[in-house]
Amino acid sequence: MQSRLRFDARTRNYYERRIAEGKTRREIIRCLKRYAAREVFNLVRYGIGPREVAQAG
């Protein structure tokens, strides 16, 4: 999660927005982990393989 926060522009924007709302770093990281888990779950659930993920991203 730390590398995503460091390198992904969408994640950095989300982090900055949440900080402005008064959330703590710990709360933000927890939310980001849940978001990542939902992304992975949906990829597994719908059977999208590594090749399709690389093309989509």
PDB file of N, CA and C in Angstrom:
ATOM      1  N   MET A   1       0.823  -1.187   0.000  1.00  0.00           N
ATOM      2  CA  MET A   1       0.000   0.000   0.000  1.00  0.00           C
ATOM      3  C   MET A   1       0.870   1.254   0.000  1.00  0.00           C
ATOM      4  N   GLN A   2       2.023   1.167   0.638  1.00  0.00           N
ATOM      5  CA  GLN A   2       2.901   2.323   0.706  1.00  0.00           C
ATOM      6  C   GLN A   2       3.405   2.724  -0.676  1.00  0.00           C
ATOM      7  N   SER A   3       3.731   1.721  -1.514  1.00  0.00           N
ATOM      8  CA  SER A   3       4.237   2.068  -2.849  1.00  0.00           C
ATOM      9  C   SER A   3       3.126   2.664  -3.702  1.00  0.00           C
ATOM     10  N   ARG A   4       1.920   2.166  -3.534  1.00  0.00           N
ATOM     11  CA  ARG A   4       0.792   2.733  -4.283  1.00  0.00           C
ATOM     12  C   ARG A   4       0.559   4.183  -3.874  1.00  0.00           C
ATOM     13  N   LEU A   5       0.667   4.453  -2.618  1.00  0.00           N
ATOM     14  CA  LEU A   5       0.496   5.818  -2.123  1.00  0.00           C
ATOM     15  C   LEU A   5       1.627   6.712  -2.629  1.00  0.00           C
ATOM     16  N   ARG A   6       2.779   6.148  -2.814  1.00  0.00           N
ATOM     17  CA  ARG A   6       3.940   6.923  -3.259  1.00  0.00           C
ATOM     18  C   ARG A   6       3.922   7.196  -4.761  1.00  0.00           C
ATOM     19  N   PHE A   7       3.431   6.251  -5.566  1.00  0.00           N
ATOM     20  CA  PHE A   7       3.592   6.351  -7.011  1.00  0.00           C
ATOM     21  C   PHE A   7       2.308   6.543  -7.809  1.00  0.00           C
ATOM     22  N   ASP A   8       1.155   6.224  -7.277  1.00  0.00           N
ATOM     23  CA  ASP A   8      -0.092   6.315  -8.031  1.00  0.00           C
ATOM     24  C   ASP A   8      -0.757   7.674  -7.793  1.00  0.00           C
ATOM     25  N   ALA A   9      -0.957   8.429  -8.863  1.00  0.00           N
ATOM     26  CA  ALA A   9      -1.510   9.788  -8.744  1.00  0.00           C
ATOM     27  C   ALA A   9      -2.924   9.773  -8.164  1.00  0.00           C
ATOM     28  N   ARG A  10      -3.750   8.807  -8.577  1.00  0.00           N
ATOM     29  CA  ARG A  10      -5.119   8.742  -8.044  1.00  0.00           C
ATOM     30  C   ARG A  10      -5.122   8.523  -6.541  1.00  0.00           C
ATOM     31  N   THR A  11      -4.229   7.658  -6.090  1.00  0.00           N
ATOM     32  CA  THR A  11      -4.155   7.357  -4.664  1.00  0.00           C
ATOM     33  C   THR A  11      -3.649   8.565  -3.883  1.00  0.00           C
ATOM     34  N   ARG A  12      -2.648   9.255  -4.428  1.00  0.00           N
ATOM     35  CA  ARG A  12      -2.156  10.470  -3.763  1.00  0.00           C
ATOM     36  C   ARG A  12      -3.245  11.535  -3.657  1.00  0.00           C
ATOM     37  N   ASN A  13      -4.023  11.706  -4.736  1.00  0.00           N
ATOM     38  CA  ASN A  13      -5.124  12.672  -4.710  1.00  0.00           C
ATOM     39  C   ASN A  13      -6.153  12.298  -3.650  1.00  0.00           C
ATOM     40  N   TYR A  14      -6.474  11.006  -3.579  1.00  0.00           N
ATOM     41  CA  TYR A  14      -7.413  10.520  -2.572  1.00  0.00           C
ATOM     42  C   TYR A  14      -6.885  10.814  -1.172  1.00  0.00           C
ATOM     43  N   TYR A  15      -5.603  10.514  -0.966  1.00  0.00           N
ATOM     44  CA  TYR A  15      -4.973  10.736   0.337  1.00  0.00           C
ATOM     45  C   TYR A  15      -5.048  12.212   0.731  1.00  0.00           C
ATOM     46  N   GLU A  16      -4.704  13.095  -0.182  1.00  0.00           N
ATOM     47  CA  GLU A  16      -4.726  14.529   0.106  1.00  0.00           C
ATOM     48  C   GLU A  16      -6.144  15.010   0.415  1.00  0.00           C
ATOM     49  N   ARG A  17      -7.112  14.506  -0.328  1.00  0.00           N
ATOM     50  CA  ARG A  17      -8.513  14.886  -0.091  1.00  0.00           C
ATOM     51  C   ARG A  17      -8.975  14.444   1.295  1.00  0.00           C
ATOM     52  N   ARG A  18      -8.614  13.229   1.675  1.00  0.00           N
ATOM     53  CA  ARG A  18      -9.014  12.719   2.989  1.00  0.00           C
ATOM     54  C   ARG A  18      -8.310  13.447   4.130  1.00  0.00           C
ATOM     55  N   ILE A  19      -7.050  13.806   3.931  1.00  0.00           N
ATOM     56  CA  ILE A  19      -6.320  14.581   4.941  1.00  0.00           C
ATOM     57  C   ILE A  19      -7.037  15.917   5.157  1.00  0.00           C
ATOM     58  N   ALA A  20      -7.469  16.549   4.062  1.00  0.00           N
ATOM     59  CA  ALA A  20      -8.171  17.829   4.151  1.00  0.00           C
ATOM     60  C   ALA A  20      -9.499  17.678   4.902  1.00  0.00           C
ATOM     61  N   GLU A  21     -10.083  16.476   4.844  1.00  0.00           N
ATOM     62  CA  GLU A  21     -11.330  16.214   5.564  1.00  0.00           C
ATOM     63  C   GLU A  21     -11.092  15.943   7.043  1.00  0.00           C
ATOM     64  N   GLY A  22      -9.839  15.794   7.426  1.00  0.00           N
ATOM     65  CA  GLY A  22      -9.521  15.564   8.832  1.00  0.00           C
ATOM     66  C   GLY A  22      -9.301  14.116   9.212  1.00  0.00           C
ATOM     67  N   LYS A  23      -9.219  13.231   8.231  1.00  0.00           N
ATOM     68  CA  LYS A  23      -8.966  11.816   8.517  1.00  0.00           C
ATOM     69  C   LYS A  23      -7.500  11.618   8.910  1.00  0.00           C
ATOM     70  N   THR A  24      -7.253  10.581   9.690  1.00  0.00           N
ATOM     71  CA  THR A  24      -5.882  10.255  10.062  1.00  0.00           C
ATOM     72  C   THR A  24      -5.259   9.357   8.995  1.00  0.00           C
ATOM     73  N   ARG A  25      -3.931   9.302   8.982  1.00  0.00           N
ATOM     74  CA  ARG A  25      -3.230   8.448   8.022  1.00  0.00           C
ATOM     75  C   ARG A  25      -3.665   6.992   8.187  1.00  0.00           C
ATOM     76  N   ARG A  26      -3.848   6.580   9.409  1.00  0.00           N
ATOM     77  CA  ARG A  26      -4.259   5.202   9.684  1.00  0.00           C
ATOM     78  C   ARG A  26      -5.627   4.884   9.081  1.00  0.00           C
ATOM     79  N   GLU A  27      -6.577   5.809   9.213  1.00  0.00           N
ATOM     80  CA  GLU A  27      -7.907   5.620   8.635  1.00  0.00           C
ATOM     81  C   GLU A  27      -7.848   5.562   7.111  1.00  0.00           C
ATOM     82  N   ILE A  28      -7.027   6.424   6.533  1.00  0.00           N
ATOM     83  CA  ILE A  28      -6.904   6.472   5.076  1.00  0.00           C
ATOM     84  C   ILE A  28      -6.310   5.176   4.542  1.00  0.00           C
ATOM     85  N   ILE A  29      -5.273   4.686   5.187  1.00  0.00           N
ATOM     86  CA  ILE A  29      -4.650   3.429   4.763  1.00  0.00           C
ATOM     87  C   ILE A  29      -5.652   2.287   4.860  1.00  0.00           C
ATOM     88  N   ARG A  30      -6.440   2.254   5.921  1.00  0.00           N
ATOM     89  CA  ARG A  30      -7.456   1.206   6.077  1.00  0.00           C
ATOM     90  C   ARG A  30      -8.449   1.241   4.915  1.00  0.00           C
ATOM     91  N   CYS A  31      -8.907   2.434   4.549  1.00  0.00           N
ATOM     92  CA  CYS A  31      -9.850   2.580   3.432  1.00  0.00           C
ATOM     93  C   CYS A  31      -9.215   2.148   2.114  1.00  0.00           C
ATOM     94  N   LEU A  32      -7.953   2.506   1.909  1.00  0.00           N
ATOM     95  CA  LEU A  32      -7.259   2.123   0.686  1.00  0.00           C
ATOM     96  C   LEU A  32      -7.086   0.608   0.593  1.00  0.00           C
ATOM     97  N   LYS A  33      -6.828  -0.039   1.716  1.00  0.00           N
ATOM     98  CA  LYS A  33      -6.699  -1.496   1.720  1.00  0.00           C
ATOM     99  C   LYS A  33      -8.020  -2.151   1.349  1.00  0.00           C
ATOM    100  N   ARG A  34      -9.112  -1.620   1.885  1.00  0.00           N
ATOM    101  CA  ARG A  34     -10.420  -2.168   1.524  1.00  0.00           C
ATOM    102  C   ARG A  34     -10.706  -1.982   0.038  1.00  0.00           C
ATOM    103  N   TYR A  35     -10.363  -0.811  -0.493  1.00  0.00           N
ATOM    104  CA  TYR A  35     -10.570  -0.535  -1.903  1.00  0.00           C
ATOM    105  C   TYR A  35      -9.769  -1.512  -2.769  1.00  0.00           C
ATOM    106  N   ALA A  36      -8.509  -1.724  -2.408  1.00  0.00           N
ATOM    107  CA  ALA A  36      -7.665  -2.660  -3.158  1.00  0.00           C
ATOM    108  C   ALA A  36      -8.226  -4.075  -3.079  1.00  0.00           C
ATOM    109  N   ALA A  37      -8.719  -4.463  -1.916  1.00  0.00           N
ATOM    110  CA  ALA A  37      -9.298  -5.798  -1.753  1.00  0.00           C
ATOM    111  C   ALA A  37     -10.530  -5.965  -2.642  1.00  0.00           C
ATOM    112  N   ARG A  38     -11.355  -4.929  -2.749  1.00  0.00           N
ATOM    113  CA  ARG A  38     -12.526  -4.989  -3.634  1.00  0.00           C
ATOM    114  C   ARG A  38     -12.104  -5.121  -5.089  1.00  0.00           C
ATOM    115  N   GLU A  39     -11.063  -4.400  -5.492  1.00  0.00           N
ATOM    116  CA  GLU A  39     -10.561  -4.502  -6.867  1.00  0.00           C
ATOM    117  C   GLU A  39     -10.113  -5.926  -7.173  1.00  0.00           C
ATOM    118  N   VAL A  40      -9.314  -6.495  -6.286  1.00  0.00           N
ATOM    119  CA  VAL A  40      -8.800  -7.853  -6.494  1.00  0.00           C
ATOM    120  C   VAL A  40      -9.950  -8.856  -6.482  1.00  0.00           C
ATOM    121  N   PHE A  41     -10.884  -8.713  -5.558  1.00  0.00           N
ATOM    122  CA  PHE A  41     -12.016  -9.638  -5.471  1.00  0.00           C
ATOM    123  C   PHE A  41     -12.794  -9.649  -6.781  1.00  0.00           C
ATOM    124  N   ASN A  42     -13.060  -8.467  -7.332  1.00  0.00           N
ATOM    125  CA  ASN A  42     -13.820  -8.411  -8.580  1.00  0.00           C
ATOM    126  C   ASN A  42     -13.044  -9.005  -9.746  1.00  0.00           C
ATOM    127  N   LEU A  43     -11.736  -8.843  -9.766  1.00  0.00           N
ATOM    128  CA  LEU A  43     -10.935  -9.466 -10.814  1.00  0.00           C
ATOM    129  C   LEU A  43     -11.015 -10.989 -10.719  1.00  0.00           C
ATOM    130  N   VAL A  44     -10.916 -11.512  -9.512  1.00  0.00           N
ATOM    131  CA  VAL A  44     -10.971 -12.960  -9.307  1.00  0.00           C
ATOM    132  C   VAL A  44     -12.382 -13.472  -9.583  1.00  0.00           C
ATOM    133  N   ARG A  45     -13.359 -12.757  -9.111  1.00  0.00           N
ATOM    134  CA  ARG A  45     -14.754 -13.176  -9.248  1.00  0.00           C
ATOM    135  C   ARG A  45     -15.179 -13.310 -10.707  1.00  0.00           C
ATOM    136  N   TYR A  46     -14.757 -12.383 -11.524  1.00  0.00           N
ATOM    137  CA  TYR A  46     -15.161 -12.413 -12.921  1.00  0.00           C
ATOM    138  C   TYR A  46     -14.163 -13.139 -13.809  1.00  0.00           C
ATOM    139  N   GLY A  47     -13.133 -13.714 -13.204  1.00  0.00           N
ATOM    140  CA  GLY A  47     -12.201 -14.561 -13.934  1.00  0.00           C
ATOM    141  C   GLY A  47     -11.289 -13.811 -14.883  1.00  0.00           C
ATOM    142  N   ILE A  48     -10.962 -12.581 -14.571  1.00  0.00           N
ATOM    143  CA  ILE A  48     -10.056 -11.827 -15.424  1.00  0.00           C
ATOM    144  C   ILE A  48      -8.634 -12.273 -15.101  1.00  0.00           C
ATOM    145  N   GLY A  49      -7.921 -12.712 -16.118  1.00  0.00           N
ATOM    146  CA  GLY A  49      -6.566 -13.214 -15.920  1.00  0.00           C
ATOM    147  C   GLY A  49      -5.542 -12.110 -15.970  1.00  0.00           C
ATOM    148  N   PRO A  50      -4.278 -12.439 -15.706  1.00  0.00           N
ATOM    149  CA  PRO A  50      -3.200 -11.454 -15.680  1.00  0.00           C
ATOM    150  C   PRO A  50      -3.034 -10.710 -17.000  1.00  0.00           C
ATOM    151  N   ARG A  51      -3.262 -11.381 -18.112  1.00  0.00           N
ATOM    152  CA  ARG A  51      -3.090 -10.739 -19.415  1.00  0.00           C
ATOM    153  C   ARG A  51      -4.104  -9.612 -19.603  1.00  0.00           C
ATOM    154  N   GLU A  52      -5.356  -9.869 -19.223  1.00  0.00           N
ATOM    155  CA  GLU A  52      -6.394  -8.858 -19.356  1.00  0.00           C
ATOM    156  C   GLU A  52      -6.157  -7.679 -18.420  1.00  0.00           C
ATOM    157  N   VAL A  53      -5.632  -7.955 -17.225  1.00  0.00           N
ATOM    158  CA  VAL A  53      -5.335  -6.890 -16.270  1.00  0.00           C
ATOM    159  C   VAL A  53      -4.263  -5.975 -16.836  1.00  0.00           C
ATOM    160  N   ALA A  54      -3.215  -6.560 -17.432  1.00  0.00           N
ATOM    161  CA  ALA A  54      -2.132  -5.756 -17.993  1.00  0.00           C
ATOM    162  C   ALA A  54      -2.644  -4.886 -19.135  1.00  0.00           C
ATOM    163  N   GLN A  55      -3.547  -5.400 -19.944  1.00  0.00           N
ATOM    164  CA  GLN A  55      -4.096  -4.619 -21.040  1.00  0.00           C
ATOM    165  C   GLN A  55      -5.029  -3.529 -20.550  1.00  0.00           C
ATOM    166  N   ALA A  56      -5.789  -3.791 -19.486  1.00  0.00           N
ATOM    167  CA  ALA A  56      -6.746  -2.816 -18.956  1.00  0.00           C
ATOM    168  C   ALA A  56      -6.037  -1.670 -18.250  1.00  0.00           C
ATOM    169  N   GLY A  57      -4.900  -1.959 -17.612  1.00  0.00           N
ATOM    170  CA  GLY A  57      -4.198  -0.964 -16.803  1.00  0.00           C
ATOM    171  C   GLY A  57      -3.304  -0.129 -17.610  1.00  0.00           C
TER     172      GLY A  57
END
